[in-house]
Every structure is written in C-alpha cells, then in structure tokens.
Amino acid sequence: FRYRVVGSAVDRGMGKTRTGKCLDEVTEGFLERDELCGPYINAAERAIPSYRKGKPLFGHNLQYAELERLLMPMAGDGRAVDMLFCATLFYDADRRLLGSKL
C-alpha cells in the first residue's frame, strides 16, 4: 500500500511526510501485524470499509491520546477496488480535536 496524497494535518500527526511512501516502509511491522494491515487488506481485496476509534496503533503517532480513522475502498470502474480513501482525526488527552481551525 502506497500513500498517494497525505494532508498536512495527518503529516503533522504522523511526524513526517508520507506522500509517495509505502506503509510498510514507514511503519515497522505493518505487514506482520494483522491489526495494522488487516483493515487495508479487507478494504482492497474485499471492498470492506473500516472505522476505528481508539488509541493509536502506529508507533509514529503514539503521542496522541486517541484517533478516529475511516478507511473506504474506491473503484474507478465501479467494481474493482483500485484506491483506498483514508481520513484520520487526532485527539489530545482532553479529547480535543488537534489540527482543527474550526
């Protein structure tokens, strides 16, 4: 899985730029840990969306108390998944949304 485009708030949340990089090259153990790669595989191979709210699992964003992640399969032809859309929100210990100017 390769990050195609990563927003600046997510880059800040993850500690560095991810655009163009593979998840397994920026996340140690990504392919060996089902709790990390399982949702991506299910979305890509079975077109199953995934939502998770809880403590961060990726080592590079453990400083955040909580996050919400939505992972949606997308298909350019309407059938075969060829892209995943992922949205992540980061929260501090007081459950305040980080990076928001709203």
N, C-alpha and C. Protein backbone atom coordinates (compact mmCIF):
# COMPACT_ATOMS: atom_id res chain seq x y z
N PHE A 1 0.85 -1.18 0.00
CA PHE A 1 0.00 0.00 0.00
C PHE A 1 0.89 1.23 0.00
N ARG A 2 0.58 2.16 -0.89
CA ARG A 2 1.37 3.38 -1.02
C ARG A 2 0.48 4.60 -0.76
N TYR A 3 1.01 5.53 0.04
CA TYR A 3 0.33 6.80 0.25
C TYR A 3 0.42 7.59 -1.05
N ARG A 4 -0.71 7.95 -1.62
CA ARG A 4 -0.70 8.76 -2.85
C ARG A 4 -0.61 10.24 -2.49
N VAL A 5 -1.52 10.69 -1.62
CA VAL A 5 -1.54 12.08 -1.15
C VAL A 5 -1.86 12.04 0.35
N VAL A 6 -1.10 12.81 1.11
CA VAL A 6 -1.32 12.89 2.56
C VAL A 6 -1.46 14.35 2.93
N GLY A 7 -2.52 14.68 3.66
CA GLY A 7 -2.75 16.06 4.07
C GLY A 7 -1.76 16.51 5.14
N SER A 8 -1.58 17.82 5.24
CA SER A 8 -0.59 18.36 6.18
C SER A 8 -0.93 18.06 7.64
N ALA A 9 -2.21 18.04 8.00
CA ALA A 9 -2.58 17.73 9.39
C ALA A 9 -2.22 16.29 9.73
N VAL A 10 -2.40 15.38 8.79
CA VAL A 10 -2.03 13.98 9.02
C VAL A 10 -0.51 13.85 9.07
N ASP A 11 0.21 14.54 8.19
CA ASP A 11 1.67 14.52 8.25
C ASP A 11 2.16 15.00 9.62
N ARG A 12 1.55 16.08 10.13
CA ARG A 12 1.93 16.56 11.47
C ARG A 12 1.62 15.50 12.51
N GLY A 13 0.47 14.85 12.37
CA GLY A 13 0.09 13.81 13.32
C GLY A 13 1.00 12.60 13.28
N MET A 14 1.57 12.35 12.14
CA MET A 14 2.43 11.18 11.99
C MET A 14 3.91 11.53 12.12
N GLY A 15 4.22 12.81 12.16
CA GLY A 15 5.59 13.22 12.43
C GLY A 15 6.46 13.52 11.22
N LYS A 16 6.05 13.10 10.02
CA LYS A 16 6.80 13.43 8.82
C LYS A 16 5.95 13.15 7.59
N THR A 17 6.42 13.61 6.45
CA THR A 17 5.68 13.46 5.20
C THR A 17 5.62 12.00 4.78
N ARG A 18 4.44 11.58 4.36
CA ARG A 18 4.21 10.20 3.94
C ARG A 18 3.90 10.08 2.44
N THR A 19 3.59 11.18 1.77
CA THR A 19 3.20 11.13 0.36
C THR A 19 4.24 10.37 -0.47
N GLY A 20 3.75 9.40 -1.25
CA GLY A 20 4.60 8.61 -2.13
C GLY A 20 5.30 7.43 -1.48
N LYS A 21 5.17 7.27 -0.17
CA LYS A 21 5.85 6.18 0.53
C LYS A 21 4.89 5.02 0.79
N CYS A 22 5.46 3.83 0.91
CA CYS A 22 4.67 2.64 1.23
C CYS A 22 4.47 2.55 2.74
N LEU A 23 3.30 2.06 3.15
CA LEU A 23 3.02 1.94 4.57
C LEU A 23 4.05 1.06 5.28
N ASP A 24 4.46 -0.02 4.64
CA ASP A 24 5.41 -0.92 5.30
C ASP A 24 6.82 -0.32 5.40
N GLU A 25 7.13 0.70 4.61
CA GLU A 25 8.44 1.33 4.73
C GLU A 25 8.45 2.41 5.81
N VAL A 26 7.31 2.94 6.19
CA VAL A 26 7.25 3.99 7.22
C VAL A 26 6.64 3.49 8.53
N THR A 27 6.14 2.25 8.53
CA THR A 27 5.54 1.68 9.74
C THR A 27 6.15 0.31 9.99
N GLU A 28 7.02 0.25 10.96
CA GLU A 28 7.70 -1.01 11.27
C GLU A 28 6.68 -2.09 11.65
N GLY A 29 6.80 -3.25 11.05
CA GLY A 29 5.93 -4.37 11.37
C GLY A 29 4.55 -4.30 10.76
N PHE A 30 4.32 -3.37 9.84
CA PHE A 30 2.99 -3.18 9.27
C PHE A 30 2.44 -4.48 8.68
N LEU A 31 3.21 -5.16 7.87
CA LEU A 31 2.72 -6.36 7.19
C LEU A 31 2.62 -7.58 8.12
N GLU A 32 3.34 -7.56 9.23
CA GLU A 32 3.33 -8.69 10.16
C GLU A 32 2.22 -8.59 11.21
N ARG A 33 1.63 -7.42 11.38
CA ARG A 33 0.61 -7.23 12.42
C ARG A 33 -0.77 -7.05 11.79
N ASP A 34 -1.64 -8.04 12.00
CA ASP A 34 -2.96 -8.03 11.38
C ASP A 34 -3.78 -6.82 11.81
N GLU A 35 -3.61 -6.36 13.05
CA GLU A 35 -4.38 -5.20 13.50
C GLU A 35 -4.00 -3.93 12.74
N LEU A 36 -2.81 -3.92 12.14
CA LEU A 36 -2.38 -2.79 11.32
C LEU A 36 -2.77 -2.97 9.86
N CYS A 37 -2.41 -4.10 9.26
CA CYS A 37 -2.63 -4.28 7.82
C CYS A 37 -3.99 -4.89 7.48
N GLY A 38 -4.62 -5.59 8.41
CA GLY A 38 -5.90 -6.26 8.15
C GLY A 38 -6.97 -5.37 7.55
N PRO A 39 -7.23 -4.20 8.13
CA PRO A 39 -8.26 -3.32 7.55
C PRO A 39 -7.94 -2.88 6.13
N TYR A 40 -6.67 -2.66 5.82
CA TYR A 40 -6.27 -2.26 4.47
C TYR A 40 -6.46 -3.41 3.48
N ILE A 41 -6.10 -4.61 3.90
CA ILE A 41 -6.28 -5.78 3.03
C ILE A 41 -7.77 -6.04 2.79
N ASN A 42 -8.59 -5.97 3.85
CA ASN A 42 -10.03 -6.16 3.69
C ASN A 42 -10.64 -5.12 2.75
N ALA A 43 -10.19 -3.89 2.88
CA ALA A 43 -10.72 -2.83 2.01
C ALA A 43 -10.29 -3.05 0.56
N ALA A 44 -9.04 -3.41 0.35
CA ALA A 44 -8.51 -3.57 -1.01
C ALA A 44 -9.02 -4.84 -1.69
N GLU A 45 -9.04 -5.95 -0.97
CA GLU A 45 -9.39 -7.23 -1.59
C GLU A 45 -10.87 -7.58 -1.52
N ARG A 46 -11.55 -7.08 -0.49
CA ARG A 46 -12.96 -7.45 -0.30
C ARG A 46 -13.92 -6.27 -0.35
N ALA A 47 -13.39 -5.07 -0.59
CA ALA A 47 -14.19 -3.83 -0.64
C ALA A 47 -14.97 -3.60 0.65
N ILE A 48 -14.32 -3.90 1.79
CA ILE A 48 -14.95 -3.73 3.10
C ILE A 48 -14.42 -2.45 3.74
N PRO A 49 -15.29 -1.46 3.98
CA PRO A 49 -14.84 -0.25 4.67
C PRO A 49 -14.49 -0.56 6.12
N SER A 50 -13.74 0.34 6.74
CA SER A 50 -13.32 0.13 8.12
C SER A 50 -13.37 1.46 8.86
N TYR A 51 -13.85 1.40 10.11
CA TYR A 51 -13.84 2.56 11.00
C TYR A 51 -13.23 2.10 12.32
N ARG A 52 -12.37 2.93 12.88
CA ARG A 52 -11.79 2.62 14.18
C ARG A 52 -11.62 3.89 14.98
N LYS A 53 -11.96 3.81 16.25
CA LYS A 53 -11.72 4.90 17.19
C LYS A 53 -11.04 4.30 18.39
N GLY A 54 -9.92 4.90 18.78
CA GLY A 54 -9.19 4.37 19.93
C GLY A 54 -7.77 4.88 19.97
N LYS A 55 -6.98 4.22 20.77
CA LYS A 55 -5.58 4.61 20.90
C LYS A 55 -4.84 4.31 19.60
N PRO A 56 -3.90 5.17 19.23
CA PRO A 56 -3.12 4.93 18.01
C PRO A 56 -2.35 3.62 18.08
N LEU A 57 -2.27 2.92 16.96
CA LEU A 57 -1.51 1.68 16.86
C LEU A 57 -0.18 1.88 16.17
N PHE A 58 -0.10 2.89 15.29
CA PHE A 58 1.14 3.17 14.59
C PHE A 58 2.09 3.86 15.56
N GLY A 59 3.33 3.39 15.66
CA GLY A 59 4.29 3.92 16.60
C GLY A 59 4.60 5.39 16.44
N HIS A 60 4.46 5.92 15.22
CA HIS A 60 4.83 7.30 14.98
C HIS A 60 3.80 8.30 15.46
N ASN A 61 2.63 7.86 15.93
CA ASN A 61 1.66 8.84 16.44
C ASN A 61 1.13 8.47 17.83
N LEU A 62 1.95 7.80 18.63
CA LEU A 62 1.53 7.39 19.97
C LEU A 62 1.39 8.56 20.94
N GLN A 63 1.88 9.74 20.57
CA GLN A 63 1.77 10.88 21.47
C GLN A 63 0.34 11.40 21.55
N TYR A 64 -0.53 10.95 20.66
CA TYR A 64 -1.92 11.36 20.68
C TYR A 64 -2.72 10.40 21.53
N ALA A 65 -3.67 10.94 22.27
CA ALA A 65 -4.46 10.11 23.18
C ALA A 65 -5.43 9.21 22.42
N GLU A 66 -5.95 9.71 21.33
CA GLU A 66 -6.96 8.95 20.60
C GLU A 66 -6.99 9.41 19.15
N LEU A 67 -7.51 8.54 18.30
CA LEU A 67 -7.74 8.93 16.91
C LEU A 67 -8.99 8.26 16.39
N GLU A 68 -9.51 8.79 15.30
CA GLU A 68 -10.59 8.16 14.55
C GLU A 68 -10.06 7.98 13.13
N ARG A 69 -10.31 6.78 12.57
CA ARG A 69 -9.83 6.51 11.22
C ARG A 69 -10.94 5.85 10.41
N LEU A 70 -11.22 6.42 9.26
CA LEU A 70 -12.18 5.87 8.32
C LEU A 70 -11.42 5.44 7.08
N LEU A 71 -11.59 4.19 6.67
CA LEU A 71 -10.90 3.64 5.51
C LEU A 71 -11.96 3.14 4.53
N MET A 72 -11.99 3.74 3.35
CA MET A 72 -13.03 3.43 2.36
C MET A 72 -12.41 2.94 1.05
N PRO A 73 -12.89 1.79 0.57
CA PRO A 73 -12.43 1.32 -0.75
C PRO A 73 -13.06 2.14 -1.86
N MET A 74 -12.31 2.38 -2.93
CA MET A 74 -12.82 3.12 -4.08
C MET A 74 -12.47 2.35 -5.35
N ALA A 75 -13.35 2.44 -6.34
CA ALA A 75 -13.15 1.73 -7.60
C ALA A 75 -13.41 2.66 -8.77
N GLY A 76 -12.39 2.91 -9.56
CA GLY A 76 -12.52 3.79 -10.72
C GLY A 76 -13.53 3.28 -11.73
N ASP A 77 -13.63 1.96 -11.83
CA ASP A 77 -14.59 1.37 -12.78
C ASP A 77 -15.91 1.00 -12.11
N GLY A 78 -16.05 1.32 -10.83
CA GLY A 78 -17.28 1.00 -10.11
C GLY A 78 -17.33 -0.42 -9.57
N ARG A 79 -16.29 -1.24 -9.84
CA ARG A 79 -16.29 -2.63 -9.40
C ARG A 79 -15.01 -3.05 -8.68
N ALA A 80 -13.88 -2.91 -9.33
CA ALA A 80 -12.60 -3.38 -8.79
C ALA A 80 -11.92 -2.28 -7.98
N VAL A 81 -11.66 -2.55 -6.73
CA VAL A 81 -11.01 -1.56 -5.86
C VAL A 81 -9.60 -1.27 -6.40
N ASP A 82 -9.33 0.01 -6.64
CA ASP A 82 -8.01 0.40 -7.11
C ASP A 82 -7.42 1.55 -6.30
N MET A 83 -8.14 1.98 -5.27
CA MET A 83 -7.66 3.06 -4.42
C MET A 83 -8.39 2.98 -3.08
N LEU A 84 -7.71 3.41 -2.02
CA LEU A 84 -8.33 3.50 -0.69
C LEU A 84 -8.32 4.95 -0.26
N PHE A 85 -9.44 5.40 0.29
CA PHE A 85 -9.52 6.74 0.88
C PHE A 85 -9.48 6.55 2.38
N CYS A 86 -8.58 7.27 3.02
CA CYS A 86 -8.43 7.17 4.47
C CYS A 86 -8.48 8.57 5.07
N ALA A 87 -9.32 8.73 6.08
CA ALA A 87 -9.39 10.00 6.81
C ALA A 87 -9.09 9.72 8.28
N THR A 88 -8.21 10.53 8.87
CA THR A 88 -7.81 10.33 10.26
C THR A 88 -7.93 11.64 11.02
N LEU A 89 -8.51 11.57 12.20
CA LEU A 89 -8.59 12.71 13.11
C LEU A 89 -7.81 12.35 14.37
N PHE A 90 -7.05 13.30 14.90
CA PHE A 90 -6.24 13.09 16.09
C PHE A 90 -6.81 13.91 17.25
N TYR A 91 -6.81 13.33 18.45
CA TYR A 91 -7.32 13.99 19.65
C TYR A 91 -6.27 14.01 20.74
N ASP A 92 -6.29 15.07 21.56
CA ASP A 92 -5.37 15.13 22.70
C ASP A 92 -6.01 14.44 23.91
N ALA A 93 -5.33 14.48 25.05
CA ALA A 93 -5.80 13.79 26.25
C ALA A 93 -7.12 14.34 26.77
N ASP A 94 -7.45 15.60 26.43
CA ASP A 94 -8.72 16.20 26.84
C ASP A 94 -9.81 16.00 25.79
N ARG A 95 -9.55 15.13 24.83
CA ARG A 95 -10.48 14.78 23.74
C ARG A 95 -10.75 15.95 22.79
N ARG A 96 -9.79 16.89 22.73
CA ARG A 96 -9.90 18.00 21.77
C ARG A 96 -9.32 17.58 20.44
N LEU A 97 -10.00 17.92 19.39
CA LEU A 97 -9.53 17.62 18.05
C LEU A 97 -8.29 18.46 17.76
N LEU A 98 -7.24 17.81 17.32
CA LEU A 98 -5.98 18.51 17.03
C LEU A 98 -5.92 18.90 15.57
N GLY A 99 -5.32 20.03 15.29
CA GLY A 99 -5.12 20.49 13.92
C GLY A 99 -6.34 21.14 13.31
N SER A 100 -7.39 21.34 14.10
CA SER A 100 -8.61 21.95 13.57
C SER A 100 -8.62 23.44 13.83
N LYS A 101 -9.06 24.19 12.83
CA LYS A 101 -9.20 25.65 13.00
C LYS A 101 -10.67 26.03 13.01
N LEU A 102 -11.55 25.05 13.12
CA LEU A 102 -13.00 25.32 13.13
C LEU A 102 -13.42 25.86 14.47
